[in-house]
Amino acid sequence: MFVKKGGNDGGACTKAAPCGTINGGIAKLGGGRTHVYVQAGQYDEIVDVASRTVEIYGGFDGNWLRRPR
């Protein structure tokens, strides 16, 4: 699932149509998918993943790339 500021939680949460919140991306997980990719920015929300297997990766730019560490 893909998340960016200004996205739409009612969409498919794909690169082309990302969710607008991290929680929206998490809610769309299913079918064995556990990864949420988040573009850089401030997301004012409380994210609770205690009851799910979720991996959140952040810091992506507008092209869904990020610098190697």
Protein backbone atom coordinates (compact mmCIF):
# COMPACT_ATOMS: atom_id res chain seq x y z
CA MET A 1 0.00 0.00 0.00
CA PHE A 2 1.21 3.52 -0.83
CA VAL A 3 0.58 6.69 1.19
CA LYS A 4 1.20 10.35 0.42
CA LYS A 5 -0.05 13.67 1.75
CA GLY A 6 -3.10 14.67 -0.25
CA GLY A 7 -3.91 11.09 -1.25
CA ASN A 8 -7.35 9.52 -0.89
CA ASP A 9 -8.07 6.75 1.61
CA GLY A 10 -11.06 5.76 -0.53
CA GLY A 11 -8.80 4.87 -3.45
CA ALA A 12 -6.78 1.79 -4.26
CA CYS A 13 -3.69 2.91 -2.28
CA THR A 14 -1.43 2.17 -5.25
CA LYS A 15 1.51 4.24 -6.48
CA ALA A 16 -0.82 5.90 -8.99
CA ALA A 17 -3.64 6.44 -6.46
CA PRO A 18 -2.12 6.49 -2.95
CA CYS A 19 -3.95 6.72 0.34
CA GLY A 20 -3.76 9.98 2.27
CA THR A 21 -3.09 8.48 5.70
CA ILE A 22 -0.93 5.72 7.11
CA ASN A 23 -3.97 4.24 8.84
CA GLY A 24 -5.78 4.23 5.49
CA GLY A 25 -2.93 2.23 3.98
CA ILE A 26 -2.93 -0.21 6.87
CA ALA A 27 -6.70 -0.67 6.56
CA LYS A 28 -6.29 -1.73 2.92
CA LEU A 29 -3.78 -4.49 3.73
CA GLY A 30 -4.91 -8.02 3.10
CA GLY A 31 -4.16 -11.06 1.01
CA GLY A 32 -0.79 -11.56 2.67
CA ARG A 33 0.35 -7.97 2.04
CA THR A 34 2.11 -6.41 5.03
CA HIS A 35 4.06 -3.44 3.60
CA VAL A 36 3.04 0.23 3.66
CA TYR A 37 5.23 2.73 1.77
CA VAL A 38 4.98 6.36 2.88
CA GLN A 39 6.16 9.49 1.09
CA ALA A 40 8.14 11.96 3.22
CA GLY A 41 6.07 14.42 5.22
CA GLN A 42 4.30 14.92 8.51
CA TYR A 43 1.27 12.74 9.09
CA ASP A 44 -0.75 13.92 12.06
CA GLU A 45 -2.29 10.66 13.19
CA ILE A 46 -1.84 7.94 15.77
CA VAL A 47 -0.84 4.65 14.17
CA ASP A 48 -1.55 1.45 16.11
CA VAL A 49 -0.16 -1.73 14.57
CA ALA A 50 -0.02 -3.84 17.73
CA SER A 51 -2.68 -6.26 16.52
CA ARG A 52 -1.36 -6.65 12.95
CA THR A 53 1.75 -7.72 11.10
CA VAL A 54 2.72 -4.48 9.35
CA GLU A 55 5.99 -3.10 8.02
CA ILE A 56 6.02 0.66 7.37
CA TYR A 57 8.72 2.17 5.14
CA GLY A 58 9.00 5.95 4.94
CA GLY A 59 11.01 8.76 3.45
CA PHE A 60 10.05 8.24 -0.19
CA ASP A 61 10.08 11.21 -2.56
CA GLY A 62 7.40 12.09 -5.13
CA ASN A 63 8.74 9.41 -7.50
CA TRP A 64 8.65 6.72 -4.81
CA LEU A 65 12.42 6.65 -4.49
CA ARG A 66 14.55 7.14 -1.41
CA ARG A 67 18.22 7.51 -0.78
CA PRO A 68 20.20 4.44 0.23
CA ARG A 69 21.29 4.48 3.85
